[in-house]
Protein backbone atom coordinates (compact mmCIF):
# COMPACT_ATOMS: atom_id res chain seq x y z
CA MET A 1 -5.13 8.69 -35.93
CA THR A 2 -6.54 7.70 -32.53
CA ASP A 3 -5.49 8.94 -29.12
CA PRO A 4 -4.75 5.81 -27.03
CA LEU A 5 -3.84 7.80 -23.91
CA GLY A 6 -6.79 10.20 -24.05
CA LEU A 7 -4.51 13.24 -23.94
CA ILE A 8 -6.06 15.10 -26.86
CA GLY A 9 -9.32 16.87 -26.22
CA GLY A 10 -11.31 19.97 -27.04
CA GLY A 11 -11.68 23.16 -25.08
CA GLY A 12 -7.98 23.51 -24.26
CA GLN A 13 -8.16 21.03 -21.41
CA ILE A 14 -6.13 17.85 -21.23
CA GLY A 15 -8.26 14.87 -22.17
CA GLY A 16 -11.31 17.11 -22.68
CA ALA A 17 -12.29 16.65 -19.03
CA SER A 18 -12.55 19.16 -16.26
CA ARG A 19 -9.82 19.28 -13.68
CA LEU A 20 -12.21 18.02 -11.01
CA ASP A 21 -12.72 14.64 -12.74
CA ARG A 22 -9.55 13.22 -11.15
CA THR A 23 -8.51 11.64 -14.44
CA PRO A 24 -4.75 10.92 -14.51
CA ALA A 25 -2.64 11.31 -17.64
CA GLY A 26 -3.29 7.68 -18.57
CA GLY A 27 -6.92 8.55 -19.31
CA VAL A 28 -8.39 6.03 -16.86
CA PRO A 29 -10.82 7.77 -14.49
CA VAL A 30 -10.19 7.41 -10.77
CA ASP A 31 -13.05 6.28 -8.56
CA PRO A 32 -13.84 9.18 -6.18
CA ASN A 33 -14.89 6.66 -3.51
CA ALA A 34 -11.58 4.79 -3.65
CA PRO A 35 -9.51 4.96 -0.46
CA SER A 36 -6.49 7.24 -0.45
CA PHE A 37 -2.90 6.04 -0.20
CA LYS A 38 -2.81 7.22 3.40
CA ASP A 39 -5.89 5.15 4.29
CA LEU A 40 -4.47 2.03 2.63
CA LEU A 41 -1.11 2.50 4.34
CA LEU A 42 -2.67 2.93 7.77
CA LYS A 43 -4.89 -0.10 7.22
CA ASN A 44 -1.88 -2.24 6.28
CA ILE A 45 0.12 -0.98 9.27
CA ASP A 46 -2.77 -1.93 11.56
CA GLU A 47 -3.03 -5.36 9.93
CA ALA A 48 0.73 -5.97 10.32
CA ASN A 49 0.49 -4.89 13.97
CA LYS A 50 -2.40 -7.32 14.53
CA LEU A 51 -0.38 -10.15 12.95
CA GLN A 52 2.59 -9.31 15.21
CA LYS A 53 0.35 -9.41 18.29
CA ASP A 54 -1.24 -12.69 17.18
CA ALA A 55 2.19 -14.25 16.65
CA ALA A 56 3.40 -13.07 20.06
CA ALA A 57 0.26 -14.49 21.69
CA ALA A 58 0.73 -17.79 19.85
CA ILE A 59 4.35 -18.06 21.05
CA GLU A 60 3.29 -17.26 24.60
CA ASP A 61 0.50 -19.85 24.45
CA LEU A 62 2.94 -22.46 23.14
CA ALA A 63 5.42 -21.69 25.92
CA SER A 64 2.75 -21.84 28.62
CA GLY A 65 1.26 -25.08 27.34
CA LYS A 66 -2.10 -23.66 26.27
CA ARG A 67 -1.28 -24.56 22.70
CA SER A 68 0.45 -27.60 21.26
CA ASP A 69 0.53 -27.01 17.49
CA LEU A 70 4.02 -25.82 16.62
CA GLU A 71 3.06 -25.53 12.94
CA GLY A 72 0.35 -22.97 13.68
CA VAL A 73 2.74 -20.92 15.78
CA MET A 74 5.38 -20.99 13.05
CA LEU A 75 2.77 -20.02 10.46
CA ALA A 76 1.61 -17.06 12.57
CA GLN A 77 5.22 -15.95 13.01
CA GLY A 78 5.87 -16.29 9.27
CA LYS A 79 2.80 -14.21 8.39
CA ALA A 80 3.85 -11.50 10.83
CA ASP A 81 7.41 -11.50 9.46
CA LEU A 82 6.20 -11.27 5.86
CA ALA A 83 3.82 -8.40 6.67
CA PHE A 84 6.62 -6.52 8.44
CA LYS A 85 9.02 -7.02 5.53
CA MET A 86 6.35 -5.79 3.11
CA LEU A 87 5.82 -2.61 5.14
CA GLN A 88 9.57 -2.13 5.40
CA GLY A 89 9.83 -2.41 1.61
CA VAL A 90 7.07 0.18 1.15
CA ARG A 91 8.86 2.50 3.56
CA ASN A 92 12.16 2.07 1.72
CA GLN A 93 10.54 2.83 -1.64
CA MET A 94 8.86 5.92 -0.21
CA LEU A 95 12.18 7.16 1.21
CA ARG A 96 13.90 6.60 -2.15
CA ALA A 97 11.14 8.53 -3.92
CA TYR A 98 11.42 11.36 -1.38
CA GLU A 99 15.19 11.50 -1.82
CA ASP A 100 14.79 11.58 -5.62
CA ILE A 101 12.33 14.47 -5.31
CA GLN A 102 14.74 16.32 -3.02
CA GLN A 103 17.52 16.02 -5.59
CA MET A 104 15.41 17.46 -8.43
CA ARG A 105 16.49 20.82 -9.70
CA VAL A 106 13.82 23.49 -10.01
């Protein structure tokens, strides 16, 4: 019988690997150079902020006459709105997970 999840190993350690290997229970090793969740979240917040600023500048340019393409302004506003909704969804999922952890009995 094979071990598809890589949970069985020798030496009394899970998966036969040391604890410093950062191998999750699924058996797929994690790249030590991969960015952390915090880094990815901050990067996406900065990107959403940049899109919001670009959309505000596009609206201001349209109102002042520096810009005449309404489609580009609407596209910039749509991108900014979508990025904000995505971040809001991530925040809501994180809050739900936090609330679930708070309700766990020890």
